[in-house]
Amino acid sequence: MPSKVLTVGDALRNPVRRRIVRYLLENPGASIRELSRELGVSLGSVSGHIVILERVGLIREVKRGNRLELYVDRRHFLGSLALEE
């Protein structure tokens, strides 16, 4: 996991992270396990990408009971932010 990701643009240069954001826009509240299964990416890899997306403020976690839900912070999507691969 790169430690030098400092901006939203840096974070979204990675196609897996774009897929994660796109999935969460369409499926708010998904878990890391669900993301792993649906995107066909290992749980560890998804976790690492989530850390980066949280670091730049794109993703936020909400704990509901025992479940950790992931949401996109839509404030970063003003104007046109391309999530194309």
N, C-alpha and C. Protein backbone atom coordinates (compact mmCIF):
# COMPACT_ATOMS: atom_id res chain seq x y z
N MET A 1 0.85 -1.18 0.00
CA MET A 1 0.00 0.00 0.00
C MET A 1 0.89 1.23 0.00
N PRO A 2 0.71 2.10 -0.99
CA PRO A 2 1.56 3.29 -1.06
C PRO A 2 1.28 4.25 0.09
N SER A 3 2.34 4.74 0.69
CA SER A 3 2.17 5.66 1.82
C SER A 3 2.13 7.11 1.35
N LYS A 4 2.38 7.37 0.09
CA LYS A 4 2.47 8.74 -0.41
C LYS A 4 1.20 9.23 -1.10
N VAL A 5 0.11 8.51 -0.99
CA VAL A 5 -1.15 8.97 -1.58
C VAL A 5 -1.66 10.13 -0.73
N LEU A 6 -1.69 11.31 -1.32
CA LEU A 6 -2.04 12.50 -0.55
C LEU A 6 -3.29 13.21 -1.06
N THR A 7 -3.70 12.91 -2.27
CA THR A 7 -4.83 13.62 -2.84
C THR A 7 -5.88 12.64 -3.35
N VAL A 8 -7.08 13.15 -3.58
CA VAL A 8 -8.15 12.35 -4.15
C VAL A 8 -7.72 11.85 -5.53
N GLY A 9 -7.10 12.71 -6.31
CA GLY A 9 -6.63 12.32 -7.64
C GLY A 9 -5.64 11.17 -7.58
N ASP A 10 -4.69 11.24 -6.62
CA ASP A 10 -3.73 10.15 -6.44
C ASP A 10 -4.46 8.85 -6.11
N ALA A 11 -5.43 8.94 -5.22
CA ALA A 11 -6.16 7.74 -4.79
C ALA A 11 -6.93 7.13 -5.94
N LEU A 12 -7.52 7.96 -6.79
CA LEU A 12 -8.37 7.45 -7.86
C LEU A 12 -7.60 7.06 -9.12
N ARG A 13 -6.29 7.19 -9.09
CA ARG A 13 -5.50 6.72 -10.23
C ARG A 13 -5.49 5.19 -10.29
N ASN A 14 -5.77 4.55 -9.17
CA ASN A 14 -5.77 3.09 -9.12
C ASN A 14 -7.13 2.55 -9.56
N PRO A 15 -7.17 1.64 -10.54
CA PRO A 15 -8.45 1.14 -11.03
C PRO A 15 -9.27 0.37 -9.99
N VAL A 16 -8.61 -0.31 -9.06
CA VAL A 16 -9.37 -1.03 -8.02
C VAL A 16 -10.07 -0.04 -7.11
N ARG A 17 -9.39 1.05 -6.77
CA ARG A 17 -10.02 2.05 -5.91
C ARG A 17 -11.18 2.73 -6.62
N ARG A 18 -11.05 2.95 -7.92
CA ARG A 18 -12.19 3.50 -8.68
C ARG A 18 -13.36 2.54 -8.66
N ARG A 19 -13.09 1.25 -8.80
CA ARG A 19 -14.16 0.24 -8.76
C ARG A 19 -14.83 0.22 -7.38
N ILE A 20 -14.03 0.36 -6.33
CA ILE A 20 -14.58 0.38 -4.96
C ILE A 20 -15.52 1.57 -4.80
N VAL A 21 -15.06 2.75 -5.21
CA VAL A 21 -15.89 3.95 -5.08
C VAL A 21 -17.17 3.81 -5.91
N ARG A 22 -17.03 3.33 -7.13
CA ARG A 22 -18.20 3.15 -7.99
C ARG A 22 -19.19 2.17 -7.34
N TYR A 23 -18.68 1.08 -6.80
CA TYR A 23 -19.56 0.09 -6.16
C TYR A 23 -20.29 0.71 -4.96
N LEU A 24 -19.55 1.48 -4.16
CA LEU A 24 -20.17 2.09 -2.98
C LEU A 24 -21.16 3.18 -3.35
N LEU A 25 -20.96 3.85 -4.47
CA LEU A 25 -21.95 4.83 -4.92
C LEU A 25 -23.25 4.13 -5.28
N GLU A 26 -23.14 2.93 -5.83
CA GLU A 26 -24.33 2.16 -6.24
C GLU A 26 -24.89 1.30 -5.11
N ASN A 27 -24.06 0.99 -4.10
CA ASN A 27 -24.45 0.11 -3.00
C ASN A 27 -23.98 0.68 -1.67
N PRO A 28 -24.52 1.83 -1.26
CA PRO A 28 -24.07 2.45 -0.01
C PRO A 28 -24.28 1.51 1.18
N GLY A 29 -23.31 1.52 2.08
CA GLY A 29 -23.41 0.70 3.28
C GLY A 29 -22.84 -0.69 3.13
N ALA A 30 -22.20 -0.97 1.99
CA ALA A 30 -21.59 -2.29 1.78
C ALA A 30 -20.46 -2.50 2.79
N SER A 31 -20.19 -3.76 3.09
CA SER A 31 -19.09 -4.10 3.99
C SER A 31 -17.83 -4.40 3.17
N ILE A 32 -16.69 -4.46 3.85
CA ILE A 32 -15.44 -4.82 3.18
C ILE A 32 -15.55 -6.23 2.61
N ARG A 33 -16.16 -7.13 3.34
CA ARG A 33 -16.33 -8.51 2.87
C ARG A 33 -17.18 -8.55 1.59
N GLU A 34 -18.25 -7.76 1.56
CA GLU A 34 -19.10 -7.69 0.37
C GLU A 34 -18.32 -7.13 -0.82
N LEU A 35 -17.55 -6.07 -0.59
CA LEU A 35 -16.73 -5.50 -1.65
C LEU A 35 -15.76 -6.54 -2.20
N SER A 36 -15.12 -7.26 -1.32
CA SER A 36 -14.16 -8.29 -1.72
C SER A 36 -14.83 -9.33 -2.62
N ARG A 37 -15.97 -9.80 -2.18
CA ARG A 37 -16.70 -10.83 -2.93
C ARG A 37 -17.18 -10.30 -4.28
N GLU A 38 -17.81 -9.14 -4.28
CA GLU A 38 -18.42 -8.61 -5.50
C GLU A 38 -17.39 -8.14 -6.53
N LEU A 39 -16.24 -7.65 -6.05
CA LEU A 39 -15.23 -7.14 -6.98
C LEU A 39 -14.18 -8.19 -7.33
N GLY A 40 -14.21 -9.34 -6.64
CA GLY A 40 -13.24 -10.39 -6.92
C GLY A 40 -11.82 -10.02 -6.53
N VAL A 41 -11.71 -9.26 -5.43
CA VAL A 41 -10.41 -8.81 -4.92
C VAL A 41 -10.27 -9.35 -3.50
N SER A 42 -9.05 -9.75 -3.12
CA SER A 42 -8.85 -10.32 -1.80
C SER A 42 -9.26 -9.35 -0.70
N LEU A 43 -9.66 -9.90 0.42
CA LEU A 43 -10.09 -9.10 1.57
C LEU A 43 -8.97 -8.17 2.03
N GLY A 44 -7.75 -8.67 2.08
CA GLY A 44 -6.61 -7.85 2.49
C GLY A 44 -6.36 -6.69 1.54
N SER A 45 -6.48 -6.96 0.25
CA SER A 45 -6.27 -5.91 -0.75
C SER A 45 -7.35 -4.84 -0.63
N VAL A 46 -8.60 -5.26 -0.49
CA VAL A 46 -9.70 -4.29 -0.34
C VAL A 46 -9.48 -3.45 0.91
N SER A 47 -9.08 -4.07 1.99
CA SER A 47 -8.83 -3.34 3.25
C SER A 47 -7.77 -2.26 3.04
N GLY A 48 -6.69 -2.61 2.35
CA GLY A 48 -5.63 -1.64 2.08
C GLY A 48 -6.12 -0.47 1.25
N HIS A 49 -6.92 -0.77 0.23
CA HIS A 49 -7.46 0.30 -0.62
C HIS A 49 -8.43 1.19 0.17
N ILE A 50 -9.21 0.58 1.05
CA ILE A 50 -10.15 1.36 1.88
C ILE A 50 -9.38 2.33 2.77
N VAL A 51 -8.26 1.89 3.33
CA VAL A 51 -7.44 2.78 4.17
C VAL A 51 -7.03 4.02 3.38
N ILE A 52 -6.59 3.82 2.15
CA ILE A 52 -6.17 4.95 1.32
C ILE A 52 -7.36 5.85 1.01
N LEU A 53 -8.49 5.26 0.65
CA LEU A 53 -9.68 6.07 0.33
C LEU A 53 -10.17 6.84 1.55
N GLU A 54 -10.04 6.25 2.73
CA GLU A 54 -10.40 6.98 3.96
C GLU A 54 -9.41 8.10 4.23
N ARG A 55 -8.14 7.84 4.00
CA ARG A 55 -7.08 8.82 4.26
C ARG A 55 -7.32 10.11 3.49
N VAL A 56 -7.83 10.00 2.26
CA VAL A 56 -8.07 11.21 1.45
C VAL A 56 -9.49 11.72 1.60
N GLY A 57 -10.30 11.06 2.43
CA GLY A 57 -11.63 11.55 2.73
C GLY A 57 -12.73 11.11 1.78
N LEU A 58 -12.45 10.14 0.90
CA LEU A 58 -13.48 9.69 -0.05
C LEU A 58 -14.47 8.72 0.57
N ILE A 59 -14.01 7.94 1.52
CA ILE A 59 -14.82 6.89 2.14
C ILE A 59 -14.93 7.16 3.63
N ARG A 60 -16.09 6.87 4.18
CA ARG A 60 -16.25 6.93 5.63
C ARG A 60 -16.88 5.63 6.10
N GLU A 61 -16.53 5.25 7.31
CA GLU A 61 -17.07 4.03 7.92
C GLU A 61 -18.11 4.41 8.96
N VAL A 62 -19.18 3.61 9.02
CA VAL A 62 -20.21 3.79 10.04
C VAL A 62 -20.43 2.43 10.69
N LYS A 63 -20.29 2.39 11.99
CA LYS A 63 -20.49 1.13 12.72
C LYS A 63 -21.95 1.06 13.16
N ARG A 64 -22.62 -0.01 12.77
CA ARG A 64 -24.01 -0.27 13.15
C ARG A 64 -24.04 -1.63 13.80
N GLY A 65 -24.06 -1.64 15.12
CA GLY A 65 -23.99 -2.91 15.84
C GLY A 65 -22.64 -3.55 15.58
N ASN A 66 -22.66 -4.79 15.10
CA ASN A 66 -21.42 -5.49 14.78
C ASN A 66 -20.96 -5.27 13.34
N ARG A 67 -21.75 -4.57 12.57
CA ARG A 67 -21.47 -4.38 11.14
C ARG A 67 -20.79 -3.04 10.90
N LEU A 68 -19.75 -3.07 10.07
CA LEU A 68 -19.06 -1.85 9.66
C LEU A 68 -19.49 -1.55 8.23
N GLU A 69 -20.19 -0.44 8.04
CA GLU A 69 -20.70 -0.07 6.72
C GLU A 69 -19.82 1.01 6.12
N LEU A 70 -19.66 0.94 4.81
CA LEU A 70 -18.82 1.90 4.09
C LEU A 70 -19.70 2.78 3.20
N TYR A 71 -19.38 4.07 3.20
CA TYR A 71 -20.11 5.04 2.40
C TYR A 71 -19.12 5.98 1.71
N VAL A 72 -19.50 6.45 0.54
CA VAL A 72 -18.72 7.47 -0.14
C VAL A 72 -19.12 8.81 0.44
N ASP A 73 -18.12 9.64 0.74
CA ASP A 73 -18.39 11.00 1.18
C ASP A 73 -18.63 11.83 -0.08
N ARG A 74 -19.87 12.08 -0.38
CA ARG A 74 -20.26 12.70 -1.66
C ARG A 74 -19.79 14.15 -1.81
N ARG A 75 -19.29 14.76 -0.77
CA ARG A 75 -18.79 16.14 -0.91
C ARG A 75 -17.64 16.22 -1.91
N HIS A 76 -16.95 15.09 -2.15
CA HIS A 76 -15.84 15.08 -3.10
C HIS A 76 -16.29 14.95 -4.55
N PHE A 77 -17.59 14.81 -4.75
CA PHE A 77 -18.08 14.57 -6.09
C PHE A 77 -18.84 15.77 -6.65
N LEU A 78 -18.33 16.94 -6.37
CA LEU A 78 -18.89 18.17 -6.94
C LEU A 78 -18.34 18.31 -8.35
N GLY A 79 -19.17 18.68 -9.26
CA GLY A 79 -18.71 18.79 -10.65
C GLY A 79 -18.57 17.41 -11.26
N SER A 80 -17.60 17.26 -12.10
CA SER A 80 -17.43 15.98 -12.80
C SER A 80 -16.14 15.31 -12.36
N LEU A 81 -16.26 14.27 -11.60
CA LEU A 81 -15.12 13.47 -11.19
C LEU A 81 -15.23 12.16 -11.94
N ALA A 82 -14.32 11.91 -12.84
CA ALA A 82 -14.40 10.72 -13.69
C ALA A 82 -13.96 9.48 -12.92
N LEU A 83 -14.82 8.49 -12.92
CA LEU A 83 -14.49 7.22 -12.31
C LEU A 83 -14.37 6.14 -13.39
N GLU A 84 -14.08 6.56 -14.59
CA GLU A 84 -13.96 5.61 -15.69
C GLU A 84 -12.63 4.87 -15.58
N GLU A 85 -12.65 3.64 -16.03
CA GLU A 85 -11.40 2.84 -16.03
C GLU A 85 -10.65 3.05 -17.30
